[in-house]
Amino acid sequence: MWVSHVGGSSIEVNYEIPNLNGGIAARAATTVVMVDLETGKPRRLREDERGALAELHDEPVEIRRRR
C-alpha cells in the first residue's frame, strides 16, 4: 500500500493484490476522507499526519478501464 495524493482533508491510498503466480491480480485506489468524530464533517490533515504520509508517497496506480 502507498499514498499517491494528499489533499486538504483526503488521501488517495493505492494497492496491488498479488496472484499465486507472483503477478498482479488486481490494482485499486481508494479515496479516504478524514472526518471529525464530533461533527461528522471532513477535517483538515494535521502537519504530523502529512509528515507520516510523506514516507508512504509514490506514483498513482495505473488502472485499466473497462470497455
PDB file of N, CA and C in Angstrom:
ATOM      1  N   MET A   1       0.831  -1.174   0.000  1.00  0.00           N
ATOM      2  CA  MET A   1       0.000   0.000   0.000  1.00  0.00           C
ATOM      3  C   MET A   1       0.876   1.238   0.000  1.00  0.00           C
ATOM      4  N   TRP A   2       0.401   2.263  -0.701  1.00  0.00           N
ATOM      5  CA  TRP A   2       1.113   3.525  -0.714  1.00  0.00           C
ATOM      6  C   TRP A   2       0.112   4.647  -0.962  1.00  0.00           C
ATOM      7  N   VAL A   3       0.550   5.857  -0.713  1.00  0.00           N
ATOM      8  CA  VAL A   3      -0.290   7.038  -0.867  1.00  0.00           C
ATOM      9  C   VAL A   3       0.184   7.809  -2.098  1.00  0.00           C
ATOM     10  N   SER A   4      -0.737   8.096  -3.014  1.00  0.00           N
ATOM     11  CA  SER A   4      -0.350   8.815  -4.226  1.00  0.00           C
ATOM     12  C   SER A   4      -0.759  10.289  -4.197  1.00  0.00           C
ATOM     13  N   HIS A   5      -1.656  10.648  -3.295  1.00  0.00           N
ATOM     14  CA  HIS A   5      -2.092  12.045  -3.226  1.00  0.00           C
ATOM     15  C   HIS A   5      -2.520  12.386  -1.806  1.00  0.00           C
ATOM     16  N   VAL A   6      -2.095  13.559  -1.351  1.00  0.00           N
ATOM     17  CA  VAL A   6      -2.526  14.085  -0.057  1.00  0.00           C
ATOM     18  C   VAL A   6      -3.184  15.428  -0.329  1.00  0.00           C
ATOM     19  N   GLY A   7      -4.465  15.535  -0.015  1.00  0.00           N
ATOM     20  CA  GLY A   7      -5.197  16.778  -0.204  1.00  0.00           C
ATOM     21  C   GLY A   7      -5.373  17.493   1.125  1.00  0.00           C
ATOM     22  N   GLY A   8      -6.297  18.413   1.166  1.00  0.00           N
ATOM     23  CA  GLY A   8      -6.553  19.153   2.395  1.00  0.00           C
ATOM     24  C   GLY A   8      -7.145  18.285   3.492  1.00  0.00           C
ATOM     25  N   SER A   9      -8.122  17.453   3.110  1.00  0.00           N
ATOM     26  CA  SER A   9      -8.770  16.586   4.088  1.00  0.00           C
ATOM     27  C   SER A   9      -8.857  15.134   3.608  1.00  0.00           C
ATOM     28  N   SER A  10      -8.218  14.829   2.479  1.00  0.00           N
ATOM     29  CA  SER A  10      -8.311  13.470   1.944  1.00  0.00           C
ATOM     30  C   SER A  10      -6.957  12.966   1.457  1.00  0.00           C
ATOM     31  N   ILE A  11      -6.872  11.643   1.348  1.00  0.00           N
ATOM     32  CA  ILE A  11      -5.694  10.993   0.777  1.00  0.00           C
ATOM     33  C   ILE A  11      -6.176   9.944  -0.216  1.00  0.00           C
ATOM     34  N   GLU A  12      -5.321   9.607  -1.167  1.00  0.00           N
ATOM     35  CA  GLU A  12      -5.615   8.501  -2.071  1.00  0.00           C
ATOM     36  C   GLU A  12      -4.652   7.373  -1.760  1.00  0.00           C
ATOM     37  N   VAL A  13      -5.221   6.245  -1.336  1.00  0.00           N
ATOM     38  CA  VAL A  13      -4.444   5.054  -0.997  1.00  0.00           C
ATOM     39  C   VAL A  13      -4.494   4.111  -2.188  1.00  0.00           C
ATOM     40  N   ASN A  14      -3.336   3.606  -2.608  1.00  0.00           N
ATOM     41  CA  ASN A  14      -3.224   2.695  -3.749  1.00  0.00           C
ATOM     42  C   ASN A  14      -2.731   1.342  -3.256  1.00  0.00           C
ATOM     43  N   TYR A  15      -3.181   0.296  -3.919  1.00  0.00           N
ATOM     44  CA  TYR A  15      -2.714  -1.029  -3.535  1.00  0.00           C
ATOM     45  C   TYR A  15      -2.809  -1.993  -4.702  1.00  0.00           C
ATOM     46  N   GLU A  16      -1.988  -3.022  -4.643  1.00  0.00           N
ATOM     47  CA  GLU A  16      -1.990  -4.102  -5.622  1.00  0.00           C
ATOM     48  C   GLU A  16      -2.137  -5.415  -4.872  1.00  0.00           C
ATOM     49  N   ILE A  17      -2.943  -6.301  -5.422  1.00  0.00           N
ATOM     50  CA  ILE A  17      -3.174  -7.603  -4.815  1.00  0.00           C
ATOM     51  C   ILE A  17      -2.506  -8.652  -5.697  1.00  0.00           C
ATOM     52  N   PRO A  18      -1.544  -9.387  -5.146  1.00  0.00           N
ATOM     53  CA  PRO A  18      -0.826 -10.369  -5.968  1.00  0.00           C
ATOM     54  C   PRO A  18      -1.650 -11.630  -6.215  1.00  0.00           C
ATOM     55  N   ASN A  19      -1.350 -12.302  -7.336  1.00  0.00           N
ATOM     56  CA  ASN A  19      -1.952 -13.612  -7.576  1.00  0.00           C
ATOM     57  C   ASN A  19      -0.967 -14.687  -7.128  1.00  0.00           C
ATOM     58  N   LEU A  20      -1.334 -15.932  -7.257  1.00  0.00           N
ATOM     59  CA  LEU A  20      -0.491 -17.036  -6.782  1.00  0.00           C
ATOM     60  C   LEU A  20       0.761 -17.232  -7.619  1.00  0.00           C
ATOM     61  N   ASN A  21       0.798 -16.677  -8.832  1.00  0.00           N
ATOM     62  CA  ASN A  21       1.956 -16.824  -9.713  1.00  0.00           C
ATOM     63  C   ASN A  21       2.969 -15.693  -9.554  1.00  0.00           C
ATOM     64  N   GLY A  22       2.727 -14.779  -8.616  1.00  0.00           N
ATOM     65  CA  GLY A  22       3.640 -13.666  -8.405  1.00  0.00           C
ATOM     66  C   GLY A  22       3.313 -12.427  -9.208  1.00  0.00           C
ATOM     67  N   GLY A  23       2.270 -12.501 -10.034  1.00  0.00           N
ATOM     68  CA  GLY A  23       1.832 -11.338 -10.810  1.00  0.00           C
ATOM     69  C   GLY A  23       0.840 -10.505 -10.010  1.00  0.00           C
ATOM     70  N   ILE A  24       0.199  -9.599 -10.699  1.00  0.00           N
ATOM     71  CA  ILE A  24      -0.777  -8.726 -10.065  1.00  0.00           C
ATOM     72  C   ILE A  24      -2.180  -9.183 -10.445  1.00  0.00           C
ATOM     73  N   ALA A  25      -2.992  -9.521  -9.463  1.00  0.00           N
ATOM     74  CA  ALA A  25      -4.375  -9.942  -9.710  1.00  0.00           C
ATOM     75  C   ALA A  25      -5.308  -8.742  -9.805  1.00  0.00           C
ATOM     76  N   ALA A  26      -5.032  -7.706  -9.016  1.00  0.00           N
ATOM     77  CA  ALA A  26      -5.903  -6.528  -9.021  1.00  0.00           C
ATOM     78  C   ALA A  26      -5.128  -5.300  -8.571  1.00  0.00           C
ATOM     79  N   ARG A  27      -5.538  -4.161  -9.107  1.00  0.00           N
ATOM     80  CA  ARG A  27      -4.998  -2.864  -8.691  1.00  0.00           C
ATOM     81  C   ARG A  27      -6.186  -1.998  -8.290  1.00  0.00           C
ATOM     82  N   ALA A  28      -6.002  -1.189  -7.268  1.00  0.00           N
ATOM     83  CA  ALA A  28      -7.110  -0.338  -6.829  1.00  0.00           C
ATOM     84  C   ALA A  28      -6.587   0.932  -6.181  1.00  0.00           C
ATOM     85  N   ALA A  29      -7.460   1.914  -6.132  1.00  0.00           N
ATOM     86  CA  ALA A  29      -7.176   3.173  -5.443  1.00  0.00           C
ATOM     87  C   ALA A  29      -8.431   3.554  -4.673  1.00  0.00           C
ATOM     88  N   THR A  30      -8.254   4.011  -3.460  1.00  0.00           N
ATOM     89  CA  THR A  30      -9.367   4.408  -2.607  1.00  0.00           C
ATOM     90  C   THR A  30      -9.109   5.799  -2.061  1.00  0.00           C
ATOM     91  N   THR A  31     -10.105   6.655  -2.135  1.00  0.00           N
ATOM     92  CA  THR A  31     -10.003   7.976  -1.527  1.00  0.00           C
ATOM     93  C   THR A  31     -10.542   7.891  -0.105  1.00  0.00           C
ATOM     94  N   VAL A  32      -9.738   8.342   0.842  1.00  0.00           N
ATOM     95  CA  VAL A  32     -10.106   8.329   2.257  1.00  0.00           C
ATOM     96  C   VAL A  32     -10.201   9.777   2.725  1.00  0.00           C
ATOM     97  N   VAL A  33     -11.340  10.136   3.290  1.00  0.00           N
ATOM     98  CA  VAL A  33     -11.552  11.490   3.797  1.00  0.00           C
ATOM     99  C   VAL A  33     -11.479  11.457   5.319  1.00  0.00           C
ATOM    100  N   MET A  34     -10.661  12.348   5.883  1.00  0.00           N
ATOM    101  CA  MET A  34     -10.552  12.459   7.328  1.00  0.00           C
ATOM    102  C   MET A  34     -11.819  13.138   7.861  1.00  0.00           C
ATOM    103  N   VAL A  35     -12.374  12.608   8.950  1.00  0.00           N
ATOM    104  CA  VAL A  35     -13.637  13.115   9.480  1.00  0.00           C
ATOM    105  C   VAL A  35     -13.480  13.465  10.956  1.00  0.00           C
ATOM    106  N   ASP A  36     -14.034  14.596  11.341  1.00  0.00           N
ATOM    107  CA  ASP A  36     -14.097  14.986  12.750  1.00  0.00           C
ATOM    108  C   ASP A  36     -15.167  14.115  13.402  1.00  0.00           C
ATOM    109  N   LEU A  37     -14.800  13.336  14.400  1.00  0.00           N
ATOM    110  CA  LEU A  37     -15.739  12.392  15.002  1.00  0.00           C
ATOM    111  C   LEU A  37     -16.881  13.083  15.746  1.00  0.00           C
ATOM    112  N   GLU A  38     -16.671  14.280  16.194  1.00  0.00           N
ATOM    113  CA  GLU A  38     -17.735  15.000  16.912  1.00  0.00           C
ATOM    114  C   GLU A  38     -18.764  15.601  15.969  1.00  0.00           C
ATOM    115  N   THR A  39     -18.305  16.154  14.844  1.00  0.00           N
ATOM    116  CA  THR A  39     -19.224  16.833  13.923  1.00  0.00           C
ATOM    117  C   THR A  39     -19.645  15.966  12.744  1.00  0.00           C
ATOM    118  N   GLY A  40     -18.847  14.946  12.438  1.00  0.00           N
ATOM    119  CA  GLY A  40     -19.125  14.115  11.271  1.00  0.00           C
ATOM    120  C   GLY A  40     -18.751  14.786   9.967  1.00  0.00           C
ATOM    121  N   LYS A  41     -18.068  15.920  10.047  1.00  0.00           N
ATOM    122  CA  LYS A  41     -17.679  16.665   8.851  1.00  0.00           C
ATOM    123  C   LYS A  41     -16.202  16.435   8.535  1.00  0.00           C
ATOM    124  N   PRO A  42     -15.823  16.616   7.253  1.00  0.00           N
ATOM    125  CA  PRO A  42     -14.403  16.478   6.904  1.00  0.00           C
ATOM    126  C   PRO A  42     -13.547  17.442   7.725  1.00  0.00           C
ATOM    127  N   ARG A  43     -12.329  16.997   8.040  1.00  0.00           N
ATOM    128  CA  ARG A  43     -11.393  17.844   8.774  1.00  0.00           C
ATOM    129  C   ARG A  43     -10.073  17.896   8.028  1.00  0.00           C
ATOM    130  N   ARG A  44      -9.320  18.945   8.232  1.00  0.00           N
ATOM    131  CA  ARG A  44      -8.011  19.111   7.600  1.00  0.00           C
ATOM    132  C   ARG A  44      -7.018  18.120   8.204  1.00  0.00           C
ATOM    133  N   LEU A  45      -6.090  17.665   7.373  1.00  0.00           N
ATOM    134  CA  LEU A  45      -4.995  16.830   7.864  1.00  0.00           C
ATOM    135  C   LEU A  45      -4.039  17.690   8.684  1.00  0.00           C
ATOM    136  N   ARG A  46      -3.566  17.134   9.792  1.00  0.00           N
ATOM    137  CA  ARG A  46      -2.585  17.838  10.626  1.00  0.00           C
ATOM    138  C   ARG A  46      -1.202  17.673  10.006  1.00  0.00           C
ATOM    139  N   GLU A  47      -0.292  18.555  10.380  1.00  0.00           N
ATOM    140  CA  GLU A  47       1.074  18.506   9.839  1.00  0.00           C
ATOM    141  C   GLU A  47       1.772  17.195  10.198  1.00  0.00           C
ATOM    142  N   ASP A  48       1.552  16.661  11.406  1.00  0.00           N
ATOM    143  CA  ASP A  48       2.186  15.388  11.775  1.00  0.00           C
ATOM    144  C   ASP A  48       1.645  14.239  10.924  1.00  0.00           C
ATOM    145  N   GLU A  49       0.362  14.298  10.572  1.00  0.00           N
ATOM    146  CA  GLU A  49      -0.215  13.276   9.693  1.00  0.00           C
ATOM    147  C   GLU A  49       0.388  13.384   8.293  1.00  0.00           C
ATOM    148  N   ARG A  50       0.535  14.617   7.811  1.00  0.00           N
ATOM    149  CA  ARG A  50       1.146  14.829   6.495  1.00  0.00           C
ATOM    150  C   ARG A  50       2.583  14.295   6.459  1.00  0.00           C
ATOM    151  N   GLY A  51       3.319  14.514   7.547  1.00  0.00           N
ATOM    152  CA  GLY A  51       4.690  14.017   7.622  1.00  0.00           C
ATOM    153  C   GLY A  51       4.757  12.504   7.560  1.00  0.00           C
ATOM    154  N   ALA A  52       3.861  11.843   8.291  1.00  0.00           N
ATOM    155  CA  ALA A  52       3.834  10.375   8.275  1.00  0.00           C
ATOM    156  C   ALA A  52       3.441   9.851   6.893  1.00  0.00           C
ATOM    157  N   LEU A  53       2.494  10.519   6.244  1.00  0.00           N
ATOM    158  CA  LEU A  53       2.044  10.082   4.919  1.00  0.00           C
ATOM    159  C   LEU A  53       3.097  10.316   3.846  1.00  0.00           C
ATOM    160  N   ALA A  54       3.945  11.320   4.037  1.00  0.00           N
ATOM    161  CA  ALA A  54       5.001  11.613   3.058  1.00  0.00           C
ATOM    162  C   ALA A  54       5.937  10.421   2.893  1.00  0.00           C
ATOM    163  N   GLU A  55       6.133   9.663   3.958  1.00  0.00           N
ATOM    164  CA  GLU A  55       7.001   8.477   3.894  1.00  0.00           C
ATOM    165  C   GLU A  55       6.400   7.368   3.044  1.00  0.00           C
ATOM    166  N   LEU A  56       5.085   7.420   2.817  1.00  0.00           N
ATOM    167  CA  LEU A  56       4.388   6.385   2.046  1.00  0.00           C
ATOM    168  C   LEU A  56       4.074   6.815   0.617  1.00  0.00           C
ATOM    169  N   HIS A  57       4.562   7.988   0.209  1.00  0.00           N
ATOM    170  CA  HIS A  57       4.196   8.546  -1.092  1.00  0.00           C
ATOM    171  C   HIS A  57       4.890   7.831  -2.248  1.00  0.00           C
ATOM    172  N   ASP A  58       4.123   7.591  -3.314  1.00  0.00           N
ATOM    173  CA  ASP A  58       4.652   7.029  -4.555  1.00  0.00           C
ATOM    174  C   ASP A  58       3.681   7.395  -5.674  1.00  0.00           C
ATOM    175  N   GLU A  59       3.995   6.993  -6.886  1.00  0.00           N
ATOM    176  CA  GLU A  59       3.174   7.299  -8.055  1.00  0.00           C
ATOM    177  C   GLU A  59       1.819   6.597  -7.958  1.00  0.00           C
ATOM    178  N   PRO A  60       0.782   7.178  -8.575  1.00  0.00           N
ATOM    179  CA  PRO A  60      -0.535   6.529  -8.549  1.00  0.00           C
ATOM    180  C   PRO A  60      -0.545   5.221  -9.325  1.00  0.00           C
ATOM    181  N   VAL A  61      -1.387   4.309  -8.906  1.00  0.00           N
ATOM    182  CA  VAL A  61      -1.533   3.032  -9.592  1.00  0.00           C
ATOM    183  C   VAL A  61      -2.197   3.281 -10.952  1.00  0.00           C
ATOM    184  N   GLU A  62      -1.761   2.532 -11.962  1.00  0.00           N
ATOM    185  CA  GLU A  62      -2.389   2.619 -13.280  1.00  0.00           C
ATOM    186  C   GLU A  62      -3.535   1.625 -13.316  1.00  0.00           C
ATOM    187  N   ILE A  63      -4.720   2.154 -13.573  1.00  0.00           N
ATOM    188  CA  ILE A  63      -5.926   1.313 -13.597  1.00  0.00           C
ATOM    189  C   ILE A  63      -6.461   1.280 -15.017  1.00  0.00           C
ATOM    190  N   ARG A  64      -6.692   0.074 -15.501  1.00  0.00           N
ATOM    191  CA  ARG A  64      -7.247  -0.110 -16.843  1.00  0.00           C
ATOM    192  C   ARG A  64      -8.768   0.001 -16.758  1.00  0.00           C
ATOM    193  N   ARG A  65      -9.335   0.802 -17.593  1.00  0.00           N
ATOM    194  CA  ARG A  65     -10.791   0.998 -17.600  1.00  0.00           C
ATOM    195  C   ARG A  65     -11.472  -0.131 -18.372  1.00  0.00           C
ATOM    196  N   ARG A  66     -12.673  -0.507 -17.903  1.00  0.00           N
ATOM    197  CA  ARG A  66     -13.469  -1.498 -18.632  1.00  0.00           C
ATOM    198  C   ARG A  66     -14.010  -0.882 -19.904  1.00  0.00           C
ATOM    199  N   ARG A  67     -14.242  -1.717 -20.894  1.00  0.00           N
ATOM    200  CA  ARG A  67     -14.801  -1.228 -22.160  1.00  0.00           C
ATOM    201  C   ARG A  67     -16.264  -1.512 -22.231  1.00  0.00           C
TER     202      ARG A  67
END
